[in-house]
Amino acid sequence: MMNLFGVPVSDDVAAAFLAAAANKRQEEAKKAFKPDSPFGKKESQDVENKAKKSADTAKKFFDAYMAQGFTRAEAFKLTVGNLNTKF
């Protein structure tokens, strides 16, 4: 086999050179590959759903306190306290 410069190269050397070049190319492709983040676009939809659920829960707390006879200010303070508490 002849290389680009016209120098004869044995088939074993040429095959090894081509295999090494192909392996290097594959390794570079693996390093460059970045899979899609599982937290990407779905997260914005999740945030909306979580916000709606949180607002629903807060409204239920507030309504429950009002039904039990608390004033609006007391019900609001208790609801805020519940939202800041981690269960």
Protein backbone atom coordinates (compact mmCIF):
# COMPACT_ATOMS: atom_id res chain seq x y z
CA MET A 1 0.00 0.00 0.00
CA MET A 2 1.24 3.51 -0.76
CA ASN A 3 0.68 6.50 1.49
CA LEU A 4 0.05 10.08 0.36
CA PHE A 5 3.75 10.74 -0.06
CA GLY A 6 4.37 7.74 -2.28
CA VAL A 7 6.26 5.82 0.38
CA PRO A 8 5.37 2.15 0.52
CA VAL A 9 3.75 1.07 3.82
CA SER A 10 2.99 -2.50 4.79
CA ASP A 11 -0.68 -3.50 5.03
CA ASP A 12 -0.34 -4.28 8.75
CA VAL A 13 0.95 -0.79 9.52
CA ALA A 14 -1.74 0.86 7.38
CA ALA A 15 -4.49 -1.22 9.03
CA ALA A 16 -3.17 -0.34 12.50
CA PHE A 17 -3.04 3.34 11.56
CA LEU A 18 -6.62 3.31 10.28
CA ALA A 19 -7.87 1.41 13.36
CA ALA A 20 -6.14 3.88 15.70
CA ALA A 21 -7.63 6.83 13.81
CA ALA A 22 -11.11 5.31 13.97
CA ASN A 23 -10.78 4.61 17.73
CA LYS A 24 -9.62 8.16 18.37
CA ARG A 25 -12.58 9.50 16.41
CA GLN A 26 -14.98 7.35 18.44
CA GLU A 27 -13.47 8.51 21.74
CA GLU A 28 -13.78 12.15 20.70
CA ALA A 29 -17.39 11.58 19.70
CA LYS A 30 -18.14 9.98 23.10
CA LYS A 31 -16.57 12.94 24.91
CA ALA A 32 -18.52 15.43 22.82
CA PHE A 33 -21.84 13.65 23.29
CA LYS A 34 -23.99 15.28 25.92
CA PRO A 35 -27.34 13.56 26.50
CA ASP A 36 -30.46 15.63 27.01
CA SER A 37 -30.93 16.62 30.60
CA PRO A 38 -33.77 14.73 32.27
CA PHE A 39 -34.51 17.94 34.15
CA GLY A 40 -34.69 20.19 31.09
CA LYS A 41 -38.06 21.11 29.60
CA LYS A 42 -40.13 18.91 31.90
CA GLU A 43 -39.01 20.96 34.88
CA SER A 44 -40.83 24.08 33.75
CA GLN A 45 -44.06 22.11 33.47
CA ASP A 46 -43.37 20.53 36.85
CA VAL A 47 -42.88 23.96 38.38
CA GLU A 48 -46.25 25.10 37.08
CA ASN A 49 -47.99 21.99 38.42
CA LYS A 50 -46.25 22.30 41.78
CA ALA A 51 -47.19 25.98 42.03
CA LYS A 52 -50.84 25.19 41.27
CA LYS A 53 -50.86 22.37 43.80
CA SER A 54 -49.22 24.59 46.42
CA ALA A 55 -51.73 27.38 45.83
CA ASP A 56 -54.58 24.86 46.08
CA THR A 57 -53.22 23.57 49.37
CA ALA A 58 -52.78 27.09 50.76
CA LYS A 59 -56.35 27.98 49.81
CA LYS A 60 -57.65 24.82 51.52
CA PHE A 61 -55.69 25.66 54.69
CA PHE A 62 -57.01 29.22 54.66
CA ASP A 63 -60.62 28.12 54.09
CA ALA A 64 -60.36 25.51 56.84
CA TYR A 65 -59.11 28.10 59.33
CA MET A 66 -61.87 30.51 58.34
CA ALA A 67 -64.47 27.75 58.77
CA GLN A 68 -63.16 27.09 62.29
CA GLY A 69 -63.79 30.70 63.28
CA PHE A 70 -60.37 32.32 62.94
CA THR A 71 -60.21 35.92 61.69
CA ARG A 72 -58.80 36.59 58.22
CA ALA A 73 -55.53 37.87 59.70
CA GLU A 74 -55.17 34.83 61.98
CA ALA A 75 -56.03 32.43 59.17
CA PHE A 76 -53.50 34.13 56.91
CA LYS A 77 -50.73 33.93 59.53
CA LEU A 78 -51.47 30.27 60.22
CA THR A 79 -51.49 29.49 56.48
CA VAL A 80 -48.15 31.24 55.96
CA GLY A 81 -46.78 29.29 58.90
CA ASN A 82 -47.92 26.03 57.31
CA LEU A 83 -46.34 26.92 53.98
CA ASN A 84 -42.98 27.65 55.61
CA THR A 85 -43.01 24.37 57.54
CA LYS A 86 -41.30 21.37 55.94
CA PHE A 87 -43.11 18.15 56.61
